[in-house]
Amino acid sequence: MSDASSHTGKTERSYNVLFLCTGNSAHSILAEGILNGTGSGLFYAFSAGSHPKGKVHPRALATLQRLHLPASGYRSKSWDEFAAPGAPVFDFILTVCDNAAGEVCPVWPGKPVSAHWGMPDPAVVEGTEERQRKAFMDAAITLRRGIDLFLALPLHRLDAVSLRDKLREIGQMNGACFS
């Protein structure tokens, strides 16, 4: 957490966001890339998994490229890395798969606001290459919709309970395909 000067000269607080999933190879990577690409330097996204696969799914990186977002520097990592001393302190923790939402998470320092944005894992879609590519793009579009709503929240005017409720509402939106 730090302060960042905006183009108006006004000082605004920055926020750290951790996207969690089980394997940290697909949708949590997409969410990290999308928020870092759209967060205007006021949001710093990270991702991790409870049981990381050890490598990022190539279609996740290809999807980020198709969205004109940076697609390098990502790695599949354990959430334990972010519970260790010296790790970033998170303001928000968002689970993006149903398995990670049901697991016992580490105790996060700083009392971050948490919510669940469950959605289908594009990495498990089988079939043609086009079907798999579409699953990743659909996941990215869904995440982008949720992230855009998140970025529109008046964070400086909402208390932690209201923020949690708003984030959960985003996660339950029918039109956004979150479960």
N, C-alpha and C. Protein backbone atom coordinates (compact mmCIF):
# COMPACT_ATOMS: atom_id res chain seq x y z
N MET A 1 0.84 -1.17 0.00
CA MET A 1 0.00 0.00 0.00
C MET A 1 0.88 1.23 0.00
N SER A 2 0.57 2.12 -0.87
CA SER A 2 1.35 3.34 -0.96
C SER A 2 0.48 4.44 -1.50
N ASP A 3 1.08 5.62 -1.62
CA ASP A 3 0.37 6.73 -2.21
C ASP A 3 0.89 6.93 -3.62
N ALA A 4 0.00 7.31 -4.51
CA ALA A 4 0.38 7.59 -5.89
C ALA A 4 -0.21 8.93 -6.28
N SER A 5 0.57 9.77 -6.92
CA SER A 5 0.06 11.06 -7.37
C SER A 5 -0.63 10.88 -8.71
N SER A 6 -1.83 11.37 -8.82
CA SER A 6 -2.56 11.30 -10.08
C SER A 6 -2.18 12.49 -10.94
N HIS A 7 -2.71 12.53 -12.15
CA HIS A 7 -2.39 13.62 -13.07
C HIS A 7 -2.92 14.96 -12.58
N THR A 8 -3.82 14.96 -11.62
CA THR A 8 -4.36 16.21 -11.08
C THR A 8 -3.51 16.74 -9.93
N GLY A 9 -2.51 15.97 -9.53
CA GLY A 9 -1.67 16.38 -8.42
C GLY A 9 -2.21 15.93 -7.08
N LYS A 10 -3.41 15.38 -7.06
CA LYS A 10 -4.03 14.89 -5.84
C LYS A 10 -3.40 13.55 -5.46
N THR A 11 -3.13 13.35 -4.20
CA THR A 11 -2.54 12.09 -3.75
C THR A 11 -3.66 11.09 -3.49
N GLU A 12 -3.53 9.91 -4.09
CA GLU A 12 -4.50 8.84 -3.88
C GLU A 12 -3.77 7.62 -3.36
N ARG A 13 -4.46 6.87 -2.55
CA ARG A 13 -3.92 5.65 -1.98
C ARG A 13 -3.96 4.55 -3.03
N SER A 14 -2.95 3.69 -3.07
CA SER A 14 -2.98 2.54 -3.97
C SER A 14 -3.43 1.31 -3.19
N TYR A 15 -3.88 0.30 -3.92
CA TYR A 15 -4.46 -0.90 -3.31
C TYR A 15 -3.80 -2.15 -3.88
N ASN A 16 -3.54 -3.12 -3.02
CA ASN A 16 -3.04 -4.43 -3.43
C ASN A 16 -4.18 -5.42 -3.43
N VAL A 17 -4.28 -6.19 -4.52
CA VAL A 17 -5.36 -7.16 -4.69
C VAL A 17 -4.74 -8.52 -5.00
N LEU A 18 -5.21 -9.54 -4.30
CA LEU A 18 -4.75 -10.91 -4.55
C LEU A 18 -5.91 -11.73 -5.09
N PHE A 19 -5.72 -12.31 -6.29
CA PHE A 19 -6.70 -13.21 -6.89
C PHE A 19 -6.26 -14.63 -6.59
N LEU A 20 -7.15 -15.41 -5.99
CA LEU A 20 -6.83 -16.78 -5.61
C LEU A 20 -7.62 -17.79 -6.42
N CYS A 21 -6.98 -18.88 -6.71
CA CYS A 21 -7.60 -20.02 -7.34
C CYS A 21 -6.85 -21.26 -6.87
N THR A 22 -7.27 -22.40 -7.30
CA THR A 22 -6.58 -23.62 -6.88
C THR A 22 -5.25 -23.77 -7.60
N GLY A 23 -5.26 -23.78 -8.94
CA GLY A 23 -4.05 -24.09 -9.69
C GLY A 23 -3.19 -22.90 -10.08
N ASN A 24 -3.73 -21.68 -10.00
CA ASN A 24 -3.02 -20.46 -10.38
C ASN A 24 -2.34 -20.63 -11.75
N SER A 25 -3.15 -21.10 -12.71
CA SER A 25 -2.61 -21.26 -14.05
C SER A 25 -3.46 -20.58 -15.12
N ALA A 26 -4.70 -20.23 -14.78
CA ALA A 26 -5.60 -19.72 -15.83
C ALA A 26 -6.34 -18.46 -15.37
N HIS A 27 -7.52 -18.62 -14.74
CA HIS A 27 -8.33 -17.42 -14.50
C HIS A 27 -7.76 -16.47 -13.46
N SER A 28 -7.04 -16.96 -12.48
CA SER A 28 -6.41 -16.02 -11.53
C SER A 28 -5.28 -15.24 -12.22
N ILE A 29 -4.59 -15.88 -13.16
CA ILE A 29 -3.57 -15.20 -13.96
C ILE A 29 -4.23 -14.14 -14.84
N LEU A 30 -5.35 -14.51 -15.49
CA LEU A 30 -6.09 -13.54 -16.31
C LEU A 30 -6.50 -12.34 -15.48
N ALA A 31 -7.04 -12.59 -14.29
CA ALA A 31 -7.50 -11.49 -13.43
C ALA A 31 -6.33 -10.59 -13.04
N GLU A 32 -5.20 -11.18 -12.69
CA GLU A 32 -4.01 -10.41 -12.34
C GLU A 32 -3.60 -9.49 -13.50
N GLY A 33 -3.54 -10.06 -14.70
CA GLY A 33 -3.13 -9.30 -15.87
C GLY A 33 -4.11 -8.20 -16.22
N ILE A 34 -5.40 -8.50 -16.14
CA ILE A 34 -6.42 -7.51 -16.48
C ILE A 34 -6.39 -6.35 -15.50
N LEU A 35 -6.35 -6.64 -14.20
CA LEU A 35 -6.35 -5.55 -13.22
C LEU A 35 -5.07 -4.72 -13.32
N ASN A 36 -3.93 -5.37 -13.48
CA ASN A 36 -2.69 -4.61 -13.62
C ASN A 36 -2.71 -3.75 -14.88
N GLY A 37 -3.40 -4.21 -15.91
CA GLY A 37 -3.48 -3.45 -17.15
C GLY A 37 -4.49 -2.33 -17.13
N THR A 38 -5.46 -2.41 -16.25
CA THR A 38 -6.54 -1.41 -16.23
C THR A 38 -6.60 -0.61 -14.94
N GLY A 39 -5.79 -0.94 -13.97
CA GLY A 39 -5.87 -0.33 -12.65
C GLY A 39 -5.23 1.03 -12.51
N SER A 40 -4.75 1.61 -13.60
CA SER A 40 -4.21 2.97 -13.63
C SER A 40 -3.12 3.23 -12.60
N GLY A 41 -2.37 2.20 -12.23
CA GLY A 41 -1.31 2.39 -11.26
C GLY A 41 -1.79 2.59 -9.83
N LEU A 42 -3.10 2.53 -9.63
CA LEU A 42 -3.65 2.64 -8.28
C LEU A 42 -3.97 1.27 -7.69
N PHE A 43 -3.95 0.25 -8.55
CA PHE A 43 -4.22 -1.12 -8.12
C PHE A 43 -3.06 -1.99 -8.58
N TYR A 44 -2.58 -2.80 -7.66
CA TYR A 44 -1.51 -3.74 -7.97
C TYR A 44 -2.04 -5.14 -7.70
N ALA A 45 -2.15 -5.92 -8.76
CA ALA A 45 -2.73 -7.25 -8.66
C ALA A 45 -1.65 -8.32 -8.59
N PHE A 46 -1.97 -9.36 -7.86
CA PHE A 46 -1.13 -10.55 -7.70
C PHE A 46 -2.07 -11.75 -7.82
N SER A 47 -1.53 -12.93 -8.06
CA SER A 47 -2.35 -14.13 -8.07
C SER A 47 -1.57 -15.27 -7.44
N ALA A 48 -2.32 -16.23 -6.93
CA ALA A 48 -1.71 -17.40 -6.30
C ALA A 48 -2.73 -18.53 -6.25
N GLY A 49 -2.25 -19.72 -5.91
CA GLY A 49 -3.13 -20.87 -5.81
C GLY A 49 -2.86 -21.69 -4.57
N SER A 50 -3.88 -22.42 -4.14
CA SER A 50 -3.72 -23.29 -2.99
C SER A 50 -2.89 -24.52 -3.35
N HIS A 51 -3.01 -24.97 -4.58
CA HIS A 51 -2.24 -26.11 -5.11
C HIS A 51 -1.77 -25.73 -6.51
N PRO A 52 -0.79 -24.84 -6.61
CA PRO A 52 -0.39 -24.33 -7.93
C PRO A 52 0.10 -25.44 -8.85
N LYS A 53 -0.24 -25.28 -10.12
CA LYS A 53 0.15 -26.27 -11.13
C LYS A 53 1.63 -26.18 -11.47
N GLY A 54 2.27 -25.06 -11.14
CA GLY A 54 3.68 -24.91 -11.41
C GLY A 54 4.00 -24.24 -12.73
N LYS A 55 2.99 -24.10 -13.60
CA LYS A 55 3.19 -23.36 -14.85
C LYS A 55 1.89 -22.69 -15.24
N VAL A 56 2.03 -21.59 -15.94
CA VAL A 56 0.88 -20.83 -16.40
C VAL A 56 0.39 -21.46 -17.70
N HIS A 57 -0.91 -21.58 -17.82
CA HIS A 57 -1.51 -22.16 -19.03
C HIS A 57 -1.18 -21.25 -20.22
N PRO A 58 -0.66 -21.82 -21.31
CA PRO A 58 -0.29 -21.00 -22.47
C PRO A 58 -1.47 -20.20 -23.05
N ARG A 59 -2.69 -20.73 -22.93
CA ARG A 59 -3.85 -20.00 -23.46
C ARG A 59 -4.17 -18.76 -22.61
N ALA A 60 -3.82 -18.79 -21.33
CA ALA A 60 -4.01 -17.59 -20.50
C ALA A 60 -3.10 -16.48 -21.02
N LEU A 61 -1.87 -16.82 -21.32
CA LEU A 61 -0.93 -15.82 -21.84
C LEU A 61 -1.35 -15.35 -23.22
N ALA A 62 -1.80 -16.26 -24.06
CA ALA A 62 -2.26 -15.89 -25.40
C ALA A 62 -3.49 -14.97 -25.32
N THR A 63 -4.36 -15.23 -24.35
CA THR A 63 -5.55 -14.40 -24.19
C THR A 63 -5.16 -12.99 -23.74
N LEU A 64 -4.23 -12.88 -22.82
CA LEU A 64 -3.76 -11.56 -22.41
C LEU A 64 -3.17 -10.82 -23.61
N GLN A 65 -2.41 -11.52 -24.44
CA GLN A 65 -1.85 -10.89 -25.65
C GLN A 65 -2.96 -10.40 -26.57
N ARG A 66 -3.99 -11.22 -26.75
CA ARG A 66 -5.12 -10.83 -27.62
C ARG A 66 -5.83 -9.59 -27.08
N LEU A 67 -5.77 -9.39 -25.77
CA LEU A 67 -6.39 -8.22 -25.14
C LEU A 67 -5.41 -7.04 -25.06
N HIS A 68 -4.24 -7.20 -25.67
CA HIS A 68 -3.21 -6.15 -25.68
C HIS A 68 -2.74 -5.79 -24.28
N LEU A 69 -2.60 -6.83 -23.45
CA LEU A 69 -2.09 -6.68 -22.09
C LEU A 69 -0.76 -7.43 -21.99
N PRO A 70 0.13 -7.00 -21.11
CA PRO A 70 1.40 -7.72 -20.96
C PRO A 70 1.16 -9.20 -20.66
N ALA A 71 1.94 -10.04 -21.32
CA ALA A 71 1.76 -11.49 -21.18
C ALA A 71 3.04 -12.19 -20.77
N SER A 72 3.94 -11.47 -20.13
CA SER A 72 5.17 -12.11 -19.66
C SER A 72 5.36 -11.79 -18.18
N GLY A 73 6.17 -12.62 -17.54
CA GLY A 73 6.49 -12.40 -16.13
C GLY A 73 5.55 -13.09 -15.16
N TYR A 74 4.57 -13.82 -15.66
CA TYR A 74 3.64 -14.53 -14.78
C TYR A 74 4.21 -15.88 -14.41
N ARG A 75 3.85 -16.34 -13.21
CA ARG A 75 4.24 -17.68 -12.80
C ARG A 75 3.18 -18.24 -11.87
N SER A 76 3.05 -19.54 -11.86
CA SER A 76 2.11 -20.23 -11.00
C SER A 76 2.77 -20.40 -9.64
N LYS A 77 2.14 -19.86 -8.60
CA LYS A 77 2.77 -19.87 -7.27
C LYS A 77 1.75 -20.15 -6.17
N SER A 78 2.26 -20.56 -5.04
CA SER A 78 1.45 -20.90 -3.88
C SER A 78 1.02 -19.66 -3.12
N TRP A 79 -0.15 -19.74 -2.55
CA TRP A 79 -0.61 -18.61 -1.72
C TRP A 79 0.24 -18.48 -0.46
N ASP A 80 0.96 -19.54 -0.09
CA ASP A 80 1.86 -19.47 1.07
C ASP A 80 2.92 -18.38 0.89
N GLU A 81 3.31 -18.14 -0.35
CA GLU A 81 4.29 -17.11 -0.65
C GLU A 81 3.81 -15.73 -0.18
N PHE A 82 2.50 -15.51 -0.23
CA PHE A 82 1.94 -14.21 0.14
C PHE A 82 1.51 -14.14 1.60
N ALA A 83 1.62 -15.25 2.31
CA ALA A 83 1.33 -15.25 3.74
C ALA A 83 2.61 -15.15 4.56
N ALA A 84 3.75 -15.16 3.87
CA ALA A 84 5.06 -15.13 4.53
C ALA A 84 5.46 -13.70 4.91
N PRO A 85 6.33 -13.57 5.90
CA PRO A 85 6.82 -12.22 6.25
C PRO A 85 7.46 -11.54 5.05
N GLY A 86 7.22 -10.25 4.92
CA GLY A 86 7.77 -9.48 3.83
C GLY A 86 6.92 -9.45 2.58
N ALA A 87 5.85 -10.23 2.56
CA ALA A 87 4.95 -10.24 1.41
C ALA A 87 4.11 -8.96 1.40
N PRO A 88 3.58 -8.60 0.24
CA PRO A 88 2.70 -7.43 0.20
C PRO A 88 1.51 -7.60 1.15
N VAL A 89 1.06 -6.51 1.72
CA VAL A 89 -0.16 -6.52 2.53
C VAL A 89 -1.31 -6.24 1.58
N PHE A 90 -2.33 -7.08 1.63
CA PHE A 90 -3.44 -6.97 0.68
C PHE A 90 -4.61 -6.20 1.26
N ASP A 91 -5.21 -5.41 0.39
CA ASP A 91 -6.43 -4.69 0.73
C ASP A 91 -7.65 -5.53 0.35
N PHE A 92 -7.49 -6.34 -0.70
CA PHE A 92 -8.58 -7.16 -1.21
C PHE A 92 -8.07 -8.54 -1.58
N ILE A 93 -8.87 -9.56 -1.27
CA ILE A 93 -8.59 -10.94 -1.68
C ILE A 93 -9.85 -11.42 -2.39
N LEU A 94 -9.70 -11.83 -3.64
CA LEU A 94 -10.83 -12.30 -4.44
C LEU A 94 -10.55 -13.71 -4.93
N THR A 95 -11.41 -14.66 -4.55
CA THR A 95 -11.29 -16.02 -5.07
C THR A 95 -12.05 -16.07 -6.39
N VAL A 96 -11.44 -16.71 -7.38
CA VAL A 96 -12.08 -16.76 -8.69
C VAL A 96 -12.42 -18.19 -9.13
N CYS A 97 -12.26 -19.15 -8.24
CA CYS A 97 -12.74 -20.49 -8.53
C CYS A 97 -13.39 -21.06 -7.27
N ASP A 98 -14.35 -21.93 -7.50
CA ASP A 98 -15.13 -22.45 -6.38
C ASP A 98 -14.31 -23.29 -5.42
N ASN A 99 -13.33 -24.04 -5.91
CA ASN A 99 -12.51 -24.86 -5.02
C ASN A 99 -11.74 -24.02 -4.02
N ALA A 100 -11.12 -22.94 -4.49
CA ALA A 100 -10.33 -22.09 -3.59
C ALA A 100 -11.21 -21.40 -2.56
N ALA A 101 -12.46 -21.09 -2.93
CA ALA A 101 -13.36 -20.41 -2.00
C ALA A 101 -13.70 -21.29 -0.81
N GLY A 102 -13.72 -22.60 -1.01
CA GLY A 102 -14.09 -23.51 0.06
C GLY A 102 -12.93 -23.98 0.91
N GLU A 103 -11.72 -23.60 0.56
CA GLU A 103 -10.55 -24.05 1.29
C GLU A 103 -10.22 -23.12 2.45
N VAL A 104 -9.52 -23.67 3.41
CA VAL A 104 -9.07 -22.85 4.54
C VAL A 104 -7.86 -22.06 4.07
N CYS A 105 -8.01 -20.75 4.05
CA CYS A 105 -6.94 -19.86 3.57
C CYS A 105 -5.98 -19.51 4.69
N PRO A 106 -4.80 -19.08 4.32
CA PRO A 106 -3.90 -18.55 5.34
C PRO A 106 -4.51 -17.32 6.02
N VAL A 107 -3.98 -16.95 7.14
CA VAL A 107 -4.41 -15.72 7.79
C VAL A 107 -3.64 -14.59 7.12
N TRP A 108 -4.39 -13.67 6.52
CA TRP A 108 -3.77 -12.58 5.79
C TRP A 108 -3.59 -11.37 6.71
N PRO A 109 -2.40 -10.81 6.75
CA PRO A 109 -2.19 -9.62 7.57
C PRO A 109 -2.99 -8.44 7.01
N GLY A 110 -3.35 -7.53 7.88
CA GLY A 110 -4.01 -6.30 7.44
C GLY A 110 -5.51 -6.37 7.29
N LYS A 111 -6.12 -7.50 7.55
CA LYS A 111 -7.57 -7.66 7.45
C LYS A 111 -8.12 -7.22 6.09
N PRO A 112 -7.71 -7.90 5.00
CA PRO A 112 -8.20 -7.51 3.68
C PRO A 112 -9.69 -7.81 3.52
N VAL A 113 -10.34 -7.05 2.66
CA VAL A 113 -11.74 -7.29 2.30
C VAL A 113 -11.73 -8.45 1.31
N SER A 114 -12.55 -9.46 1.56
CA SER A 114 -12.55 -10.62 0.67
C SER A 114 -13.93 -10.89 0.11
N ALA A 115 -13.94 -11.49 -1.08
CA ALA A 115 -15.19 -11.86 -1.74
C ALA A 115 -14.89 -13.00 -2.71
N HIS A 116 -15.95 -13.65 -3.15
CA HIS A 116 -15.84 -14.78 -4.07
C HIS A 116 -16.44 -14.41 -5.41
N TRP A 117 -15.66 -14.57 -6.45
CA TRP A 117 -16.11 -14.36 -7.83
C TRP A 117 -15.94 -15.66 -8.59
N GLY A 118 -16.64 -16.69 -8.18
CA GLY A 118 -16.49 -18.01 -8.80
C GLY A 118 -16.91 -18.01 -10.25
N MET A 119 -16.19 -18.75 -11.02
CA MET A 119 -16.50 -18.88 -12.44
C MET A 119 -15.88 -20.17 -12.97
N PRO A 120 -16.38 -20.66 -14.10
CA PRO A 120 -15.81 -21.90 -14.66
C PRO A 120 -14.34 -21.73 -15.01
N ASP A 121 -13.60 -22.79 -14.82
CA ASP A 121 -12.17 -22.79 -15.13
C ASP A 121 -11.98 -23.07 -16.62
N PRO A 122 -11.46 -22.10 -17.37
CA PRO A 122 -11.28 -22.34 -18.80
C PRO A 122 -10.24 -23.41 -19.10
N ALA A 123 -9.36 -23.70 -18.17
CA ALA A 123 -8.29 -24.67 -18.39
C ALA A 123 -8.83 -26.10 -18.49
N VAL A 124 -10.03 -26.35 -18.01
CA VAL A 124 -10.57 -27.72 -18.05
C VAL A 124 -11.46 -27.96 -19.27
N VAL A 125 -11.68 -26.94 -20.08
CA VAL A 125 -12.52 -27.10 -21.27
C VAL A 125 -11.80 -27.98 -22.28
N GLU A 126 -12.52 -28.96 -22.76
CA GLU A 126 -11.98 -29.87 -23.76
C GLU A 126 -12.64 -29.60 -25.10
N GLY A 127 -12.12 -30.22 -26.13
CA GLY A 127 -12.70 -30.05 -27.46
C GLY A 127 -11.72 -29.38 -28.39
N THR A 128 -12.28 -28.72 -29.38
CA THR A 128 -11.45 -28.10 -30.40
C THR A 128 -10.63 -26.95 -29.84
N GLU A 129 -9.61 -26.60 -30.60
CA GLU A 129 -8.77 -25.46 -30.21
C GLU A 129 -9.63 -24.19 -30.12
N GLU A 130 -10.54 -24.03 -31.06
CA GLU A 130 -11.42 -22.84 -31.06
C GLU A 130 -12.30 -22.82 -29.81
N ARG A 131 -12.82 -23.95 -29.40
CA ARG A 131 -13.65 -24.02 -28.18
C ARG A 131 -12.84 -23.65 -26.95
N GLN A 132 -11.62 -24.15 -26.88
CA GLN A 132 -10.75 -23.82 -25.75
C GLN A 132 -10.38 -22.34 -25.76
N ARG A 133 -10.05 -21.81 -26.92
CA ARG A 133 -9.71 -20.38 -27.04
C ARG A 133 -10.89 -19.53 -26.61
N LYS A 134 -12.10 -19.92 -27.01
CA LYS A 134 -13.31 -19.19 -26.64
C LYS A 134 -13.53 -19.23 -25.13
N ALA A 135 -13.27 -20.36 -24.50
CA ALA A 135 -13.44 -20.48 -23.04
C ALA A 135 -12.53 -19.49 -22.31
N PHE A 136 -11.30 -19.36 -22.77
CA PHE A 136 -10.38 -18.40 -22.14
C PHE A 136 -10.83 -16.96 -22.39
N MET A 137 -11.27 -16.66 -23.60
CA MET A 137 -11.71 -15.30 -23.89
C MET A 137 -12.98 -14.99 -23.10
N ASP A 138 -13.91 -15.93 -23.00
CA ASP A 138 -15.13 -15.72 -22.20
C ASP A 138 -14.77 -15.44 -20.74
N ALA A 139 -13.81 -16.20 -20.20
CA ALA A 139 -13.38 -15.98 -18.82
C ALA A 139 -12.78 -14.58 -18.68
N ALA A 140 -11.96 -14.19 -19.64
CA ALA A 140 -11.33 -12.87 -19.58
C ALA A 140 -12.37 -11.76 -19.66
N ILE A 141 -13.35 -11.90 -20.52
CA ILE A 141 -14.40 -10.89 -20.66
C ILE A 141 -15.21 -10.79 -19.38
N THR A 142 -15.52 -11.93 -18.78
CA THR A 142 -16.26 -11.94 -17.52
C THR A 142 -15.46 -11.26 -16.42
N LEU A 143 -14.18 -11.61 -16.33
CA LEU A 143 -13.32 -10.99 -15.32
C LEU A 143 -13.19 -9.49 -15.57
N ARG A 144 -13.05 -9.10 -16.81
CA ARG A 144 -12.92 -7.68 -17.14
C ARG A 144 -14.17 -6.91 -16.70
N ARG A 145 -15.33 -7.51 -16.92
CA ARG A 145 -16.59 -6.87 -16.51
C ARG A 145 -16.60 -6.66 -15.00
N GLY A 146 -16.24 -7.69 -14.25
CA GLY A 146 -16.21 -7.57 -12.79
C GLY A 146 -15.16 -6.58 -12.32
N ILE A 147 -13.99 -6.61 -12.94
CA ILE A 147 -12.92 -5.69 -12.56
C ILE A 147 -13.31 -4.25 -12.88
N ASP A 148 -13.96 -4.03 -14.01
CA ASP A 148 -14.43 -2.67 -14.34
C ASP A 148 -15.41 -2.16 -13.29
N LEU A 149 -16.32 -3.02 -12.83
CA LEU A 149 -17.26 -2.63 -11.77
C LEU A 149 -16.51 -2.35 -10.47
N PHE A 150 -15.53 -3.17 -10.16
CA PHE A 150 -14.71 -2.98 -8.97
C PHE A 150 -13.99 -1.62 -9.03
N LEU A 151 -13.40 -1.32 -10.17
CA LEU A 151 -12.67 -0.06 -10.32
C LEU A 151 -13.58 1.16 -10.23
N ALA A 152 -14.86 0.97 -10.51
CA ALA A 152 -15.82 2.09 -10.45
C ALA A 152 -16.33 2.36 -9.03
N LEU A 153 -16.04 1.47 -8.09
CA LEU A 153 -16.52 1.67 -6.72
C LEU A 153 -15.83 2.87 -6.07
N PRO A 154 -16.57 3.64 -5.28
CA PRO A 154 -15.97 4.77 -4.55
C PRO A 154 -15.27 4.25 -3.28
N LEU A 155 -14.13 3.62 -3.46
CA LEU A 155 -13.45 2.94 -2.36
C LEU A 155 -13.20 3.84 -1.16
N HIS A 156 -12.87 5.09 -1.39
CA HIS A 156 -12.57 6.02 -0.30
C HIS A 156 -13.80 6.39 0.52
N ARG A 157 -15.00 6.08 0.01
CA ARG A 157 -16.22 6.43 0.74
C ARG A 157 -16.93 5.23 1.36
N LEU A 158 -16.40 4.04 1.15
CA LEU A 158 -17.07 2.83 1.65
C LEU A 158 -16.27 2.21 2.79
N ASP A 159 -16.98 1.78 3.83
CA ASP A 159 -16.29 1.06 4.91
C ASP A 159 -16.08 -0.39 4.47
N ALA A 160 -15.35 -1.15 5.27
CA ALA A 160 -14.97 -2.52 4.91
C ALA A 160 -16.19 -3.42 4.67
N VAL A 161 -17.22 -3.29 5.49
CA VAL A 161 -18.41 -4.14 5.32
C VAL A 161 -19.13 -3.78 4.02
N SER A 162 -19.27 -2.51 3.74
CA SER A 162 -19.92 -2.09 2.49
C SER A 162 -19.11 -2.53 1.28
N LEU A 163 -17.79 -2.41 1.37
CA LEU A 163 -16.93 -2.87 0.28
C LEU A 163 -17.10 -4.36 0.03
N ARG A 164 -17.09 -5.13 1.11
CA ARG A 164 -17.26 -6.58 0.98
C ARG A 164 -18.60 -6.89 0.31
N ASP A 165 -19.65 -6.20 0.76
CA ASP A 165 -20.98 -6.43 0.18
C ASP A 165 -21.01 -6.08 -1.31
N LYS A 166 -20.40 -4.97 -1.68
CA LYS A 166 -20.36 -4.56 -3.09
C LYS A 166 -19.57 -5.56 -3.93
N LEU A 167 -18.44 -6.03 -3.40
CA LEU A 167 -17.65 -7.02 -4.13
C LEU A 167 -18.41 -8.33 -4.27
N ARG A 168 -19.14 -8.72 -3.24
CA ARG A 168 -19.94 -9.95 -3.34
C ARG A 168 -21.07 -9.78 -4.34
N GLU A 169 -21.66 -8.58 -4.39
CA GLU A 169 -22.69 -8.31 -5.40
C GLU A 169 -22.12 -8.46 -6.80
N ILE A 170 -20.93 -7.95 -7.02
CA ILE A 170 -20.29 -8.10 -8.32
C ILE A 170 -20.13 -9.58 -8.64
N GLY A 171 -19.72 -10.36 -7.65
CA GLY A 171 -19.52 -11.79 -7.83
C GLY A 171 -20.79 -12.57 -8.09
N GLN A 172 -21.93 -12.00 -7.73
CA GLN A 172 -23.21 -12.70 -7.89
C GLN A 172 -24.04 -12.16 -9.06
N MET A 173 -23.49 -11.24 -9.80
CA MET A 173 -24.26 -10.64 -10.89
C MET A 173 -24.63 -11.69 -11.93
N ASN A 174 -25.90 -11.74 -12.26
CA ASN A 174 -26.36 -12.69 -13.27
C ASN A 174 -25.73 -12.43 -14.62
N GLY A 175 -25.68 -11.18 -15.05
CA GLY A 175 -25.15 -10.85 -16.35
C GLY A 175 -23.65 -11.04 -16.47
N ALA A 176 -22.97 -11.11 -15.35
CA ALA A 176 -21.51 -11.24 -15.39
C ALA A 176 -21.06 -12.69 -15.41
N CYS A 177 -21.98 -13.63 -15.27
CA CYS A 177 -21.66 -15.06 -15.31
C CYS A 177 -20.85 -15.53 -14.11
N PHE A 178 -20.74 -14.75 -13.07
CA PHE A 178 -20.08 -15.22 -11.86
C PHE A 178 -21.07 -16.10 -11.12
N SER A 179 -20.56 -17.09 -10.42
CA SER A 179 -21.48 -17.95 -9.65
C SER A 179 -21.57 -17.46 -8.23
